[in-house]
Amino acid sequence: MQVYQCCEAIRIAYNQIGSGEQGYVPNAIAATIRALNAVAGDERVPADLREQAAYAAANLLISDHEDA
């Protein structure tokens, strides 16, 4: 997926990180899993979105990629 395919909030954050306005997150995979976990565990979020977040987090956890 390319940044131009993402929602406006992600494109704004991407530009802020790229410009140095916001700090880069060195452990981005762990930060992503924490965010997905928050979505997956939030009963206020629709069930289909919680399932998508859980599936995405599980795929990241099972992948061979690790944060440095």
C-alpha atoms as a PDB file:
ATOM      1  CA  MET A   1       0.000   0.000   0.000  1.00  0.00           C
ATOM      2  CA  GLN A   2       1.253   3.447  -0.843  1.00  0.00           C
ATOM      3  CA  VAL A   3       0.761   6.529   1.323  1.00  0.00           C
ATOM      4  CA  TYR A   4      -1.466   8.150  -1.323  1.00  0.00           C
ATOM      5  CA  GLN A   5      -3.924   5.250  -0.890  1.00  0.00           C
ATOM      6  CA  CYS A   6      -4.284   5.960   2.843  1.00  0.00           C
ATOM      7  CA  CYS A   7      -6.750   8.229   4.602  1.00  0.00           C
ATOM      8  CA  GLU A   8      -6.053  11.921   5.096  1.00  0.00           C
ATOM      9  CA  ALA A   9      -5.029  11.458   8.752  1.00  0.00           C
ATOM     10  CA  ILE A  10      -2.275   9.010   7.754  1.00  0.00           C
ATOM     11  CA  ARG A  11      -1.079  11.225   4.901  1.00  0.00           C
ATOM     12  CA  ILE A  12      -0.858  14.204   7.277  1.00  0.00           C
ATOM     13  CA  ALA A  13       1.122  12.193   9.856  1.00  0.00           C
ATOM     14  CA  TYR A  14       3.381  10.845   7.086  1.00  0.00           C
ATOM     15  CA  ASN A  15       4.149  14.365   5.894  1.00  0.00           C
ATOM     16  CA  GLN A  16       4.779  15.569   9.456  1.00  0.00           C
ATOM     17  CA  ILE A  17       7.226  12.718  10.121  1.00  0.00           C
ATOM     18  CA  GLY A  18       8.929  13.201   6.757  1.00  0.00           C
ATOM     19  CA  SER A  19       9.375  16.926   7.353  1.00  0.00           C
ATOM     20  CA  GLY A  20      10.744  16.424  10.862  1.00  0.00           C
ATOM     21  CA  GLU A  21       7.774  18.211  12.436  1.00  0.00           C
ATOM     22  CA  GLN A  22       6.833  15.000  14.286  1.00  0.00           C
ATOM     23  CA  GLY A  23       9.255  12.442  15.634  1.00  0.00           C
ATOM     24  CA  TYR A  24       9.810   9.121  13.923  1.00  0.00           C
ATOM     25  CA  VAL A  25       8.737   6.072  15.958  1.00  0.00           C
ATOM     26  CA  PRO A  26      11.750   3.711  15.926  1.00  0.00           C
ATOM     27  CA  ASN A  27       9.700   0.640  16.946  1.00  0.00           C
ATOM     28  CA  ALA A  28       6.873   1.165  14.483  1.00  0.00           C
ATOM     29  CA  ILE A  29       5.763  -2.487  14.371  1.00  0.00           C
ATOM     30  CA  ALA A  30       5.286  -2.591  18.143  1.00  0.00           C
ATOM     31  CA  ALA A  31       3.462   0.754  18.047  1.00  0.00           C
ATOM     32  CA  THR A  32       1.225  -0.571  15.278  1.00  0.00           C
ATOM     33  CA  ILE A  33       0.396  -3.724  17.216  1.00  0.00           C
ATOM     34  CA  ARG A  34      -0.451  -1.639  20.303  1.00  0.00           C
ATOM     35  CA  ALA A  35      -2.786   0.558  18.226  1.00  0.00           C
ATOM     36  CA  LEU A  36      -4.441  -2.443  16.564  1.00  0.00           C
ATOM     37  CA  ASN A  37      -4.791  -4.129  19.949  1.00  0.00           C
ATOM     38  CA  ALA A  38      -6.561  -1.046  21.302  1.00  0.00           C
ATOM     39  CA  VAL A  39      -8.998  -1.110  18.381  1.00  0.00           C
ATOM     40  CA  ALA A  40      -9.545  -4.881  18.583  1.00  0.00           C
ATOM     41  CA  GLY A  41     -10.241  -4.730  22.310  1.00  0.00           C
ATOM     42  CA  ASP A  42     -12.583  -1.722  22.261  1.00  0.00           C
ATOM     43  CA  GLU A  43     -16.202  -2.876  22.524  1.00  0.00           C
ATOM     44  CA  ARG A  44     -17.366   0.522  21.197  1.00  0.00           C
ATOM     45  CA  VAL A  45     -15.771  -0.240  17.808  1.00  0.00           C
ATOM     46  CA  PRO A  46     -17.930  -2.197  15.341  1.00  0.00           C
ATOM     47  CA  ALA A  47     -17.241  -5.944  15.419  1.00  0.00           C
ATOM     48  CA  ASP A  48     -16.090  -6.150  11.792  1.00  0.00           C
ATOM     49  CA  LEU A  49     -13.459  -3.447  12.342  1.00  0.00           C
ATOM     50  CA  ARG A  50     -12.313  -5.114  15.588  1.00  0.00           C
ATOM     51  CA  GLU A  51     -11.905  -8.390  13.696  1.00  0.00           C
ATOM     52  CA  GLN A  52      -9.870  -6.685  10.966  1.00  0.00           C
ATOM     53  CA  ALA A  53      -7.615  -5.085  13.580  1.00  0.00           C
ATOM     54  CA  ALA A  54      -7.151  -8.404  15.379  1.00  0.00           C
ATOM     55  CA  TYR A  55      -6.304 -10.181  12.129  1.00  0.00           C
ATOM     56  CA  ALA A  56      -3.807  -7.497  11.105  1.00  0.00           C
ATOM     57  CA  ALA A  57      -2.134  -7.542  14.537  1.00  0.00           C
ATOM     58  CA  ALA A  58      -1.936 -11.335  14.544  1.00  0.00           C
ATOM     59  CA  ASN A  59      -0.300 -11.271  11.105  1.00  0.00           C
ATOM     60  CA  LEU A  60       2.295  -8.782  12.302  1.00  0.00           C
ATOM     61  CA  LEU A  61       2.992 -10.852  15.403  1.00  0.00           C
ATOM     62  CA  ILE A  62       3.434 -14.050  13.405  1.00  0.00           C
ATOM     63  CA  SER A  63       5.567 -12.442  10.691  1.00  0.00           C
ATOM     64  CA  ASP A  64       9.320 -12.749  10.806  1.00  0.00           C
ATOM     65  CA  HIS A  65       9.790  -8.988  10.962  1.00  0.00           C
ATOM     66  CA  GLU A  66      10.951  -7.592  14.287  1.00  0.00           C
ATOM     67  CA  ASP A  67      11.592  -4.025  15.348  1.00  0.00           C
ATOM     68  CA  ALA A  68      15.245  -3.181  15.764  1.00  0.00           C
END
